Each structure stands twice: as C-alpha cells, then as structure tokens.
Amino acid sequence: MDLTGLMIFLAIGAVAGWLAGNLMKGGGFGLLVNILVGIVGAVIGGFVFGLLGITTTGLIGSIVTATAGAALLLFIVDIIKK
C-alpha cells in the first residue's frame, strides 16, 4: 500500500468512526479513536456484508460498509459495558 492508499484508508476510517459515533452515542470520540473504530468497523462490516451476500464498491460503498460495521461494534461494546 502506498502513501496515498494509506491516507484514503485512514480518512475512510475516520469518517466511518465519526458517523457511527454520531449514530450510536450522539457524538464523535476524537480523531484517533474514530479512525480505530472505523478501521475495525470496516473489517466487521466487510465480514457481515459478506455473510449476507452484499457487495459494495467505490468510496461510498466503503464508507457505508465501515460505518455499518463500526455502529455494530459500538452497539456490542455498549451491551458489554452494561
């Protein structure tokens, strides 16, 4: 992965983490945590979408997949915390 690809990957993670934070908690968590939540969410979202037979392409598809996975991650973490 070159530097441009890495920057796009981190930007998608940050956007997805921020969107999921707004959807699930009402606010973001800061840049670094948003990136981490978005990256882990992308992995979870890709796995879940794959199980469901849903394929996404392009930038918007990547953001949707990562956001859905990040929201699922935050939902699970919220359940565990309670």
Protein backbone atom coordinates (compact mmCIF):
# COMPACT_ATOMS: atom_id res chain seq x y z
CA MET A 1 0.00 0.00 0.00
CA ASP A 2 1.40 3.35 -0.98
CA LEU A 3 1.08 6.57 0.98
CA THR A 4 -1.99 7.73 -0.94
CA GLY A 5 -3.80 4.45 -0.31
CA LEU A 6 -2.92 4.63 3.38
CA MET A 7 -4.24 8.18 3.64
CA ILE A 8 -7.51 7.20 1.93
CA PHE A 9 -7.81 4.17 4.24
CA LEU A 10 -7.34 6.35 7.32
CA ALA A 11 -9.74 9.00 6.02
CA ILE A 12 -12.47 6.39 5.41
CA GLY A 13 -11.85 5.01 8.90
CA ALA A 14 -12.12 8.47 10.43
CA VAL A 15 -15.34 9.31 8.58
CA ALA A 16 -16.91 5.93 9.36
CA GLY A 17 -15.92 6.12 13.03
CA TRP A 18 -17.29 9.65 13.31
CA LEU A 19 -20.56 8.71 11.58
CA ALA A 20 -21.00 5.62 13.76
CA GLY A 21 -20.23 7.66 16.88
CA ASN A 22 -22.90 10.16 15.91
CA LEU A 23 -25.40 7.42 15.15
CA MET A 24 -24.83 5.41 18.31
CA LYS A 25 -23.78 7.89 21.01
CA GLY A 26 -24.62 11.33 19.70
CA GLY A 27 -21.02 12.46 19.22
CA GLY A 28 -17.58 11.53 17.94
CA PHE A 29 -14.75 10.17 20.07
CA GLY A 30 -11.79 12.17 18.76
CA LEU A 31 -9.75 11.63 15.62
CA LEU A 32 -7.61 8.65 16.70
CA VAL A 33 -10.44 6.67 18.29
CA ASN A 34 -12.71 7.45 15.32
CA ILE A 35 -10.04 6.07 12.97
CA LEU A 36 -9.61 2.92 15.07
CA VAL A 37 -13.37 2.35 15.39
CA GLY A 38 -13.76 2.93 11.63
CA ILE A 39 -10.97 0.52 10.69
CA VAL A 40 -12.24 -2.24 12.98
CA GLY A 41 -15.75 -1.45 11.77
CA ALA A 42 -14.65 -1.87 8.16
CA VAL A 43 -13.40 -5.36 8.94
CA ILE A 44 -16.59 -6.26 10.83
CA GLY A 45 -18.81 -4.68 8.16
CA GLY A 46 -16.99 -6.48 5.36
CA PHE A 47 -17.39 -9.78 7.18
CA VAL A 48 -21.10 -9.28 7.95
CA PHE A 49 -21.90 -7.96 4.47
CA GLY A 50 -20.05 -10.95 3.00
CA LEU A 51 -22.13 -13.35 5.09
CA LEU A 52 -25.28 -11.63 3.84
CA GLY A 53 -24.09 -11.72 0.23
CA ILE A 54 -23.94 -7.93 -0.07
CA THR A 55 -21.11 -6.45 -2.11
CA THR A 56 -20.18 -2.78 -2.11
CA THR A 57 -17.79 -0.94 -4.40
CA GLY A 58 -16.37 2.53 -4.54
CA LEU A 59 -15.79 5.17 -1.93
CA ILE A 60 -19.40 5.48 -0.80
CA GLY A 61 -19.75 1.70 -0.53
CA SER A 62 -16.61 1.55 1.59
CA ILE A 63 -17.89 4.26 3.91
CA VAL A 64 -21.30 2.57 4.22
CA THR A 65 -19.68 -0.81 4.99
CA ALA A 66 -17.26 0.66 7.52
CA THR A 67 -19.98 2.77 9.18
CA ALA A 68 -22.35 -0.19 9.49
CA GLY A 69 -19.58 -2.33 11.00
CA ALA A 70 -18.48 0.45 13.35
CA ALA A 71 -22.07 1.01 14.52
CA LEU A 72 -22.36 -2.74 15.17
CA LEU A 73 -19.07 -2.64 17.08
CA LEU A 74 -20.24 0.29 19.23
CA PHE A 75 -23.57 -1.47 19.85
CA ILE A 76 -21.78 -4.62 21.06
CA VAL A 77 -19.40 -2.60 23.24
CA ASP A 78 -22.38 -0.77 24.76
CA ILE A 79 -24.08 -4.08 25.58
CA ILE A 80 -20.89 -5.46 27.16
CA LYS A 81 -20.40 -2.31 29.25
CA LYS A 82 -23.87 -2.69 30.76
